[in-house]
Every structure is written in C-alpha cells, then in structure tokens.
C-alpha cells in the first residue's frame, strides 16, 4: 500500500500550519494544533507505530489536536495578551502639536486629521478634569493605534 496516506497526512498538516502562520498570523490554536498533530501522526505511521489506515490517521490527528490544545491553551493565551503598555511613549509623534477643532475633555474625546489620517484624541490622565476649547493647542504625549493621547500646551503669553 505504500506510505501515501502517511505522506498525505504530513502534507495536510504542513498546509494547515502554513495557513495558520501566513494567513492568520498565529491567531487561532485550532489550525496550529491540528497541523502539528497531523504531522506527528503521519511520522508515527511512516515508522510503523500507528497503522496506516484512514481511521487511525484521522483518529490520531483528532486526539493529538485535542491534547495539544489542552497543553498549549494557557501559554498561547498568555502570549496573545502580552505585556502591552497602555500608550506608546516612544514614538516620533510624541511632542507633535495640534490645534483642536472641537472641544476635548476626559468625557468627550475629539479627533484631528494629521498626515491624511483621522486620529482619535484622548486627554492625558495627568491633565485633570479640564475642558479644552476649539483653537487651543495640544501636544501629543502618547500614541496607540489610531489614537493620540494629548495634553494642553501652555501658551507663552500666559506664562
């Protein structure tokens, strides 16, 4: 009968891993566990540990995927969460000065267009409970995806 079923199982496992890594960016555990289990089961069938039957290969892949999922669930979830800071305080945008076109307070975010992108403006927690009016200038103190955290700029004539 040859090793074609074992080789096919390994190829399917490699394809599942390729989809998981390149298309989904390691965002799901299902394809990762199933692809890894399929490769392992295919190798075990090639060396004669498992019988080379469709039932044995499918069953082994399913059981292996379940076991891998149980073993890897918590570590992979921890990796996905990561230790991300609330705001990026190390960016070329830090220190950028913008002029408000709408009121801005802690309860009322605003937006500003910069470099062709509309950025959500959020008042820095250190600014307190002030309300900034249109025309006032703010300085970027933090950056996140689509969002600038800003603080008021003191004007030189009031100092």
N, C-alpha and C. Protein backbone atom coordinates (compact mmCIF):
# COMPACT_ATOMS: atom_id res chain seq x y z
N UNK A 1 0.83 -1.19 0.00
CA UNK A 1 0.00 0.00 0.00
C UNK A 1 0.87 1.25 0.00
N UNK A 2 2.11 1.15 0.48
CA UNK A 2 2.99 2.30 0.45
C UNK A 2 2.72 3.26 1.58
N UNK A 3 3.42 4.36 1.57
CA UNK A 3 3.30 5.36 2.62
C UNK A 3 2.49 6.56 2.18
N UNK A 4 1.66 6.41 1.17
CA UNK A 4 0.98 7.60 0.64
C UNK A 4 0.01 8.23 1.64
N UNK A 5 -0.67 7.44 2.48
CA UNK A 5 -1.58 8.03 3.46
C UNK A 5 -0.81 8.81 4.54
N UNK A 6 0.30 8.26 4.98
CA UNK A 6 1.12 8.95 5.97
C UNK A 6 1.68 10.24 5.38
N UNK A 7 2.16 10.17 4.14
CA UNK A 7 2.71 11.36 3.48
C UNK A 7 1.62 12.40 3.24
N UNK A 8 0.43 11.95 2.86
CA UNK A 8 -0.69 12.87 2.65
C UNK A 8 -1.06 13.56 3.95
N UNK A 9 -1.02 12.82 5.06
CA UNK A 9 -1.33 13.40 6.37
C UNK A 9 -0.30 14.47 6.74
N UNK A 10 0.97 14.21 6.46
CA UNK A 10 2.02 15.19 6.74
C UNK A 10 1.84 16.43 5.87
N UNK A 11 1.51 16.23 4.60
CA UNK A 11 1.30 17.36 3.69
C UNK A 11 0.11 18.21 4.14
N UNK A 12 -0.96 17.55 4.55
CA UNK A 12 -2.13 18.29 5.06
C UNK A 12 -1.75 19.08 6.31
N UNK A 13 -0.97 18.46 7.20
CA UNK A 13 -0.51 19.17 8.40
C UNK A 13 0.33 20.38 8.06
N UNK A 14 1.23 20.24 7.09
CA UNK A 14 2.06 21.39 6.67
C UNK A 14 1.21 22.50 6.06
N UNK A 15 0.21 22.12 5.27
CA UNK A 15 -0.69 23.14 4.70
C UNK A 15 -1.47 23.87 5.78
N UNK A 16 -1.95 23.13 6.79
CA UNK A 16 -2.68 23.78 7.89
C UNK A 16 -1.76 24.74 8.65
N UNK A 17 -0.53 24.34 8.88
CA UNK A 17 0.41 25.24 9.57
C UNK A 17 0.72 26.47 8.72
N UNK A 18 0.85 26.28 7.40
CA UNK A 18 1.13 27.42 6.52
C UNK A 18 -0.03 28.42 6.55
N UNK A 19 -1.26 27.92 6.51
CA UNK A 19 -2.43 28.81 6.58
C UNK A 19 -2.44 29.54 7.91
N UNK A 20 -2.16 28.82 8.99
CA UNK A 20 -2.16 29.42 10.33
C UNK A 20 -1.11 30.52 10.46
N UNK A 21 0.08 30.26 9.97
CA UNK A 21 1.17 31.22 10.13
C UNK A 21 1.06 32.38 9.15
N UNK A 22 0.88 32.09 7.86
CA UNK A 22 0.94 33.15 6.86
C UNK A 22 -0.37 33.90 6.68
N UNK A 23 -1.48 33.22 6.74
CA UNK A 23 -2.75 33.92 6.52
C UNK A 23 -3.38 34.43 7.81
N UNK A 24 -3.27 33.66 8.88
CA UNK A 24 -3.95 34.04 10.12
C UNK A 24 -3.01 34.61 11.18
N UNK A 25 -1.70 34.57 10.93
CA UNK A 25 -0.75 35.17 11.85
C UNK A 25 -0.75 34.57 13.24
N UNK A 26 -0.88 33.26 13.34
CA UNK A 26 -0.91 32.54 14.61
C UNK A 26 -2.01 33.06 15.54
N UNK A 27 -3.17 33.34 14.99
CA UNK A 27 -4.26 33.89 15.79
C UNK A 27 -5.21 32.82 16.32
N UNK A 28 -5.15 31.62 15.80
CA UNK A 28 -6.02 30.55 16.31
C UNK A 28 -5.16 29.37 16.75
N UNK A 29 -5.65 28.65 17.72
CA UNK A 29 -4.91 27.49 18.18
C UNK A 29 -5.38 26.23 17.44
N UNK A 30 -6.57 26.27 16.84
CA UNK A 30 -7.14 25.08 16.21
C UNK A 30 -6.28 24.59 15.06
N UNK A 31 -5.94 25.46 14.13
CA UNK A 31 -5.14 25.02 12.99
C UNK A 31 -3.71 24.68 13.41
N UNK A 32 -3.18 25.39 14.38
CA UNK A 32 -1.84 25.09 14.87
C UNK A 32 -1.79 23.69 15.48
N UNK A 33 -2.75 23.37 16.34
CA UNK A 33 -2.78 22.06 16.98
C UNK A 33 -3.08 20.96 15.98
N UNK A 34 -4.02 21.18 15.08
CA UNK A 34 -4.38 20.15 14.10
C UNK A 34 -3.24 19.90 13.12
N UNK A 35 -2.61 20.95 12.64
CA UNK A 35 -1.48 20.79 11.72
C UNK A 35 -0.31 20.07 12.37
N UNK A 36 0.01 20.46 13.60
CA UNK A 36 1.11 19.80 14.31
C UNK A 36 0.79 18.34 14.59
N UNK A 37 -0.44 18.06 15.00
CA UNK A 37 -0.84 16.68 15.26
C UNK A 37 -0.81 15.85 13.99
N UNK A 38 -1.26 16.42 12.87
CA UNK A 38 -1.25 15.68 11.61
C UNK A 38 0.17 15.32 11.19
N UNK A 39 1.10 16.23 11.36
CA UNK A 39 2.50 15.94 11.02
C UNK A 39 3.04 14.83 11.92
N UNK A 40 2.79 14.94 13.22
CA UNK A 40 3.26 13.93 14.17
C UNK A 40 2.66 12.56 13.88
N UNK A 41 1.35 12.50 13.61
CA UNK A 41 0.68 11.23 13.32
C UNK A 41 1.19 10.65 12.01
N UNK A 42 1.42 11.48 11.02
CA UNK A 42 1.96 10.99 9.75
C UNK A 42 3.34 10.39 9.92
N UNK A 43 4.17 11.03 10.74
CA UNK A 43 5.51 10.49 11.02
C UNK A 43 5.43 9.17 11.78
N UNK A 44 4.52 9.11 12.76
CA UNK A 44 4.35 7.86 13.51
C UNK A 44 3.86 6.72 12.61
N UNK A 45 3.03 7.03 11.64
CA UNK A 45 2.56 6.00 10.71
C UNK A 45 3.68 5.57 9.77
N UNK A 46 4.53 6.49 9.37
CA UNK A 46 5.64 6.14 8.48
C UNK A 46 6.65 5.20 9.13
N UNK A 47 6.87 5.36 10.43
CA UNK A 47 7.82 4.49 11.11
C UNK A 47 7.17 3.22 11.66
N UNK A 48 5.85 3.10 11.49
CA UNK A 48 5.17 1.86 11.86
C UNK A 48 4.57 1.83 13.24
N UNK A 49 4.57 2.92 13.98
CA UNK A 49 3.98 2.95 15.31
C UNK A 49 2.46 2.90 15.21
N UNK A 50 1.89 3.60 14.25
CA UNK A 50 0.45 3.61 14.00
C UNK A 50 0.16 2.89 12.69
N UNK A 51 -0.99 2.20 12.62
CA UNK A 51 -1.34 1.57 11.34
C UNK A 51 -1.68 2.65 10.31
N UNK A 52 -1.35 2.38 9.07
CA UNK A 52 -1.59 3.36 8.01
C UNK A 52 -2.97 3.13 7.40
N UNK A 53 -3.98 3.50 8.20
CA UNK A 53 -5.36 3.43 7.73
C UNK A 53 -5.99 4.81 7.91
N UNK A 54 -6.99 5.09 7.14
CA UNK A 54 -7.66 6.38 7.22
C UNK A 54 -8.21 6.60 8.62
N UNK A 55 -8.83 5.56 9.19
CA UNK A 55 -9.41 5.68 10.53
C UNK A 55 -8.34 5.99 11.57
N UNK A 56 -7.22 5.29 11.53
CA UNK A 56 -6.16 5.51 12.51
C UNK A 56 -5.56 6.91 12.37
N UNK A 57 -5.34 7.35 11.13
CA UNK A 57 -4.73 8.66 10.92
C UNK A 57 -5.67 9.80 11.31
N UNK A 58 -6.95 9.68 10.96
CA UNK A 58 -7.92 10.71 11.35
C UNK A 58 -8.10 10.73 12.87
N UNK A 59 -8.23 9.55 13.46
CA UNK A 59 -8.41 9.48 14.92
C UNK A 59 -7.19 10.02 15.64
N UNK A 60 -6.01 9.60 15.21
CA UNK A 60 -4.78 10.07 15.83
C UNK A 60 -4.62 11.57 15.72
N UNK A 61 -4.97 12.12 14.56
CA UNK A 61 -4.88 13.58 14.38
C UNK A 61 -5.86 14.30 15.29
N UNK A 62 -7.07 13.80 15.39
CA UNK A 62 -8.08 14.43 16.26
C UNK A 62 -7.69 14.37 17.72
N UNK A 63 -7.26 13.20 18.17
CA UNK A 63 -6.85 13.05 19.57
C UNK A 63 -5.60 13.90 19.84
N UNK A 64 -4.65 13.88 18.92
CA UNK A 64 -3.45 14.69 19.09
C UNK A 64 -3.76 16.18 19.13
N UNK A 65 -4.66 16.62 18.27
CA UNK A 65 -5.04 18.04 18.26
C UNK A 65 -5.70 18.43 19.58
N UNK A 66 -6.55 17.55 20.09
CA UNK A 66 -7.19 17.82 21.38
C UNK A 66 -6.18 17.91 22.51
N UNK A 67 -5.23 16.99 22.55
CA UNK A 67 -4.20 17.01 23.59
C UNK A 67 -3.30 18.24 23.47
N UNK A 68 -2.89 18.56 22.25
CA UNK A 68 -2.06 19.76 22.05
C UNK A 68 -2.80 21.04 22.45
N UNK A 69 -4.09 21.08 22.14
CA UNK A 69 -4.88 22.25 22.52
C UNK A 69 -4.92 22.39 24.03
N UNK A 70 -5.15 21.28 24.73
CA UNK A 70 -5.17 21.33 26.19
C UNK A 70 -3.83 21.76 26.76
N UNK A 71 -2.74 21.27 26.20
CA UNK A 71 -1.41 21.60 26.70
C UNK A 71 -1.00 23.03 26.39
N UNK A 72 -1.38 23.53 25.21
CA UNK A 72 -0.88 24.83 24.76
C UNK A 72 -1.83 26.00 25.01
N UNK A 73 -3.06 25.73 25.44
CA UNK A 73 -4.06 26.79 25.55
C UNK A 73 -3.59 27.94 26.43
N UNK A 74 -3.22 27.68 27.66
CA UNK A 74 -2.83 28.77 28.57
C UNK A 74 -1.56 29.50 28.12
N UNK A 75 -0.49 28.77 27.75
CA UNK A 75 0.71 29.51 27.32
C UNK A 75 0.46 30.39 26.09
N UNK A 76 -0.32 29.90 25.14
CA UNK A 76 -0.58 30.70 23.94
C UNK A 76 -1.49 31.89 24.25
N UNK A 77 -2.45 31.72 25.14
CA UNK A 77 -3.32 32.84 25.53
C UNK A 77 -2.50 33.93 26.23
N UNK A 78 -1.56 33.49 27.05
CA UNK A 78 -0.69 34.44 27.74
C UNK A 78 0.17 35.21 26.74
N UNK A 79 0.65 34.52 25.71
CA UNK A 79 1.44 35.18 24.67
C UNK A 79 0.62 36.19 23.88
N UNK A 80 -0.65 35.85 23.61
CA UNK A 80 -1.51 36.76 22.85
C UNK A 80 -1.77 38.04 23.62
N UNK A 81 -1.99 37.92 24.93
CA UNK A 81 -2.25 39.11 25.73
C UNK A 81 -1.01 39.97 25.83
N UNK A 82 0.11 39.37 26.14
CA UNK A 82 1.37 40.10 26.22
C UNK A 82 1.37 41.18 27.28
N UNK A 83 2.45 41.88 27.38
CA UNK A 83 2.59 42.96 28.34
C UNK A 83 2.57 44.30 27.64
N UNK A 84 1.52 44.58 26.92
CA UNK A 84 1.44 45.81 26.13
C UNK A 84 1.17 47.00 27.02
N UNK A 85 1.92 48.08 26.78
CA UNK A 85 1.70 49.32 27.53
C UNK A 85 0.41 49.98 27.04
N UNK A 86 -0.27 50.74 27.93
CA UNK A 86 -1.49 51.41 27.51
C UNK A 86 -1.25 52.45 26.41
N UNK A 87 -0.14 53.15 26.45
CA UNK A 87 0.20 54.13 25.42
C UNK A 87 1.67 53.97 25.07
N UNK A 88 1.98 54.16 23.81
CA UNK A 88 3.36 54.13 23.37
C UNK A 88 3.97 55.50 23.68
N UNK A 89 4.91 55.53 24.57
CA UNK A 89 5.55 56.79 24.95
C UNK A 89 6.88 56.97 24.21
N UNK A 90 7.14 56.12 23.23
CA UNK A 90 8.38 56.20 22.46
C UNK A 90 8.02 56.20 20.98
N UNK A 91 7.71 57.35 20.45
CA UNK A 91 7.28 57.47 19.06
C UNK A 91 7.72 58.81 18.50
N UNK A 92 7.84 58.86 17.19
CA UNK A 92 8.17 60.13 16.54
C UNK A 92 7.05 61.15 16.67
N UNK A 93 5.83 60.70 16.98
CA UNK A 93 4.70 61.61 17.13
C UNK A 93 4.71 62.35 18.47
N UNK A 94 5.44 61.82 19.46
CA UNK A 94 5.47 62.45 20.77
C UNK A 94 6.04 63.87 20.63
N UNK A 95 5.32 64.82 21.20
CA UNK A 95 5.74 66.22 21.12
C UNK A 95 5.08 66.98 19.98
N UNK A 96 4.41 66.28 19.07
CA UNK A 96 3.72 66.93 17.97
C UNK A 96 2.62 67.83 18.53
N UNK A 97 2.50 69.05 17.99
CA UNK A 97 1.49 69.99 18.45
C UNK A 97 0.35 70.06 17.45
N UNK A 98 -0.88 69.98 17.94
CA UNK A 98 -2.08 70.03 17.11
C UNK A 98 -3.00 71.13 17.63
N UNK A 99 -3.82 71.68 16.74
CA UNK A 99 -4.82 72.66 17.13
C UNK A 99 -6.18 71.99 17.12
N UNK A 100 -6.92 72.12 18.22
CA UNK A 100 -8.23 71.47 18.34
C UNK A 100 -9.26 72.13 17.43
N UNK A 101 -10.11 71.32 16.84
CA UNK A 101 -11.23 71.83 16.03
C UNK A 101 -12.56 71.59 16.72
N UNK A 102 -12.53 70.86 17.86
CA UNK A 102 -13.74 70.57 18.64
C UNK A 102 -13.33 70.51 20.11
N UNK A 103 -14.29 70.69 21.01
CA UNK A 103 -13.96 70.62 22.44
C UNK A 103 -13.38 69.24 22.80
N UNK A 104 -12.52 69.22 23.82
CA UNK A 104 -11.89 67.98 24.27
C UNK A 104 -11.86 67.96 25.79
N UNK A 105 -12.36 66.89 26.37
CA UNK A 105 -12.29 66.67 27.81
C UNK A 105 -12.13 65.17 28.04
N UNK A 106 -12.02 64.80 29.30
CA UNK A 106 -11.87 63.36 29.60
C UNK A 106 -13.13 62.59 29.20
N UNK A 107 -14.29 63.21 29.33
CA UNK A 107 -15.55 62.54 28.97
C UNK A 107 -15.90 62.69 27.49
N UNK A 108 -15.31 63.68 26.84
CA UNK A 108 -15.64 63.97 25.45
C UNK A 108 -14.38 63.96 24.59
N UNK A 109 -14.07 62.79 24.00
CA UNK A 109 -12.90 62.74 23.11
C UNK A 109 -13.15 63.55 21.85
N UNK A 110 -12.11 63.84 21.15
CA UNK A 110 -12.20 64.61 19.91
C UNK A 110 -11.41 63.86 18.84
N UNK A 111 -11.24 64.50 17.70
CA UNK A 111 -10.42 63.89 16.65
C UNK A 111 -9.67 65.00 15.93
N UNK A 112 -8.60 64.60 15.25
CA UNK A 112 -7.80 65.53 14.48
C UNK A 112 -7.25 64.81 13.27
N UNK A 113 -7.17 65.52 12.17
CA UNK A 113 -6.61 64.93 10.96
C UNK A 113 -5.14 65.32 10.89
N UNK A 114 -4.28 64.30 10.77
CA UNK A 114 -2.85 64.55 10.65
C UNK A 114 -2.27 63.54 9.67
N UNK A 115 -1.54 64.01 8.71
CA UNK A 115 -0.88 63.19 7.71
C UNK A 115 -1.88 62.28 6.97
N UNK A 116 -3.06 62.82 6.70
CA UNK A 116 -4.07 62.09 5.93
C UNK A 116 -4.86 61.07 6.74
N UNK A 117 -4.63 61.01 8.05
CA UNK A 117 -5.31 60.05 8.91
C UNK A 117 -6.09 60.82 9.96
N UNK A 118 -7.31 60.40 10.23
CA UNK A 118 -8.09 60.99 11.31
C UNK A 118 -7.77 60.23 12.59
N UNK A 119 -7.17 60.92 13.55
CA UNK A 119 -6.74 60.34 14.81
C UNK A 119 -7.75 60.67 15.90
N UNK A 120 -8.08 59.72 16.72
CA UNK A 120 -8.90 59.95 17.91
C UNK A 120 -8.01 60.65 18.94
N UNK A 121 -8.49 61.73 19.54
CA UNK A 121 -7.74 62.44 20.56
C UNK A 121 -8.33 62.11 21.93
N UNK A 122 -7.46 61.72 22.84
CA UNK A 122 -7.86 61.41 24.20
C UNK A 122 -7.02 62.25 25.14
N UNK A 123 -7.66 62.88 26.10
CA UNK A 123 -6.95 63.75 27.04
C UNK A 123 -6.11 62.90 28.00
N UNK A 124 -4.85 63.28 28.18
CA UNK A 124 -3.94 62.58 29.09
C UNK A 124 -4.50 62.58 30.51
N UNK A 125 -4.32 61.49 31.22
CA UNK A 125 -4.83 61.38 32.60
C UNK A 125 -4.22 62.43 33.52
N UNK A 126 -3.00 62.87 33.23
CA UNK A 126 -2.33 63.89 34.05
C UNK A 126 -2.90 65.28 33.86
N UNK A 127 -3.74 65.48 32.84
CA UNK A 127 -4.29 66.81 32.55
C UNK A 127 -5.43 67.18 33.49
N UNK A 128 -5.96 66.24 34.22
CA UNK A 128 -7.05 66.53 35.14
C UNK A 128 -8.39 66.58 34.44
N UNK A 129 -9.33 67.32 35.04
CA UNK A 129 -10.70 67.39 34.52
C UNK A 129 -10.96 68.69 33.78
N UNK A 130 -10.03 69.13 32.96
CA UNK A 130 -10.20 70.38 32.22
C UNK A 130 -10.96 70.13 30.93
N UNK A 131 -11.52 71.20 30.38
CA UNK A 131 -12.19 71.14 29.08
C UNK A 131 -11.43 72.10 28.17
N UNK A 132 -10.90 71.55 27.08
CA UNK A 132 -10.18 72.37 26.11
C UNK A 132 -11.12 72.76 24.98
N UNK A 133 -11.01 73.98 24.52
CA UNK A 133 -11.92 74.51 23.51
C UNK A 133 -11.27 74.49 22.12
N UNK A 134 -12.09 74.56 21.06
CA UNK A 134 -11.55 74.64 19.70
C UNK A 134 -10.59 75.82 19.58
N UNK A 135 -9.50 75.61 18.86
CA UNK A 135 -8.50 76.65 18.68
C UNK A 135 -7.33 76.52 19.65
N UNK A 136 -7.52 75.79 20.77
CA UNK A 136 -6.42 75.59 21.71
C UNK A 136 -5.47 74.53 21.16
N UNK A 137 -4.21 74.65 21.57
CA UNK A 137 -3.21 73.70 21.09
C UNK A 137 -2.97 72.62 22.14
N UNK A 138 -2.73 71.41 21.62
CA UNK A 138 -2.41 70.27 22.48
C UNK A 138 -1.13 69.62 21.95
N UNK A 139 -0.43 68.94 22.85
CA UNK A 139 0.81 68.25 22.50
C UNK A 139 0.59 66.75 22.69
N UNK A 140 1.04 65.95 21.72
CA UNK A 140 0.89 64.50 21.79
C UNK A 140 1.84 63.96 22.85
N UNK A 141 1.28 63.19 23.81
CA UNK A 141 2.10 62.61 24.88
C UNK A 141 2.11 61.09 24.83
N UNK A 142 1.24 60.49 24.01
CA UNK A 142 1.20 59.03 23.86
C UNK A 142 0.53 58.66 22.56
N UNK A 143 0.90 57.51 22.02
CA UNK A 143 0.36 57.07 20.73
C UNK A 143 -0.08 55.62 20.86
N UNK A 144 -1.25 55.33 20.32
CA UNK A 144 -1.73 53.96 20.19
C UNK A 144 -2.34 53.86 18.81
N UNK A 145 -2.80 52.71 18.42
CA UNK A 145 -3.35 52.52 17.08
C UNK A 145 -4.53 53.45 16.87
N UNK A 146 -4.39 54.42 15.97
CA UNK A 146 -5.48 55.34 15.64
C UNK A 146 -5.80 56.36 16.71
N UNK A 147 -4.96 56.46 17.75
CA UNK A 147 -5.28 57.35 18.86
C UNK A 147 -4.04 58.10 19.36
N UNK A 148 -4.20 59.40 19.55
CA UNK A 148 -3.19 60.22 20.20
C UNK A 148 -3.69 60.55 21.60
N UNK A 149 -2.85 60.37 22.59
CA UNK A 149 -3.12 60.89 23.93
C UNK A 149 -2.45 62.25 23.98
N UNK A 150 -3.21 63.28 24.37
CA UNK A 150 -2.70 64.66 24.29
C UNK A 150 -2.80 65.35 25.64
N UNK A 151 -2.00 66.40 25.78
CA UNK A 151 -2.04 67.26 26.95
C UNK A 151 -2.07 68.70 26.48
N UNK A 152 -2.59 69.63 27.27
CA UNK A 152 -2.65 71.03 26.83
C UNK A 152 -1.25 71.64 26.73
N UNK A 153 -1.11 72.55 25.78
CA UNK A 153 0.15 73.31 25.62
C UNK A 153 -0.08 74.67 26.27
N UNK A 154 0.80 75.04 27.21
CA UNK A 154 0.65 76.37 27.80
C UNK A 154 1.17 77.40 26.82
N UNK A 155 0.38 78.43 26.60
CA UNK A 155 0.79 79.45 25.64
C UNK A 155 1.84 80.34 26.29
N UNK A 156 2.84 80.82 25.49
CA UNK A 156 3.93 81.63 26.04
C UNK A 156 3.47 82.95 26.63
N UNK A 157 2.35 83.54 26.16
CA UNK A 157 1.92 84.85 26.65
C UNK A 157 1.20 84.76 28.00
N UNK A 158 0.84 83.53 28.46
CA UNK A 158 0.19 83.41 29.76
C UNK A 158 1.20 82.99 30.83
N UNK A 159 2.44 82.72 30.45
CA UNK A 159 3.46 82.26 31.42
C UNK A 159 4.13 83.43 32.09
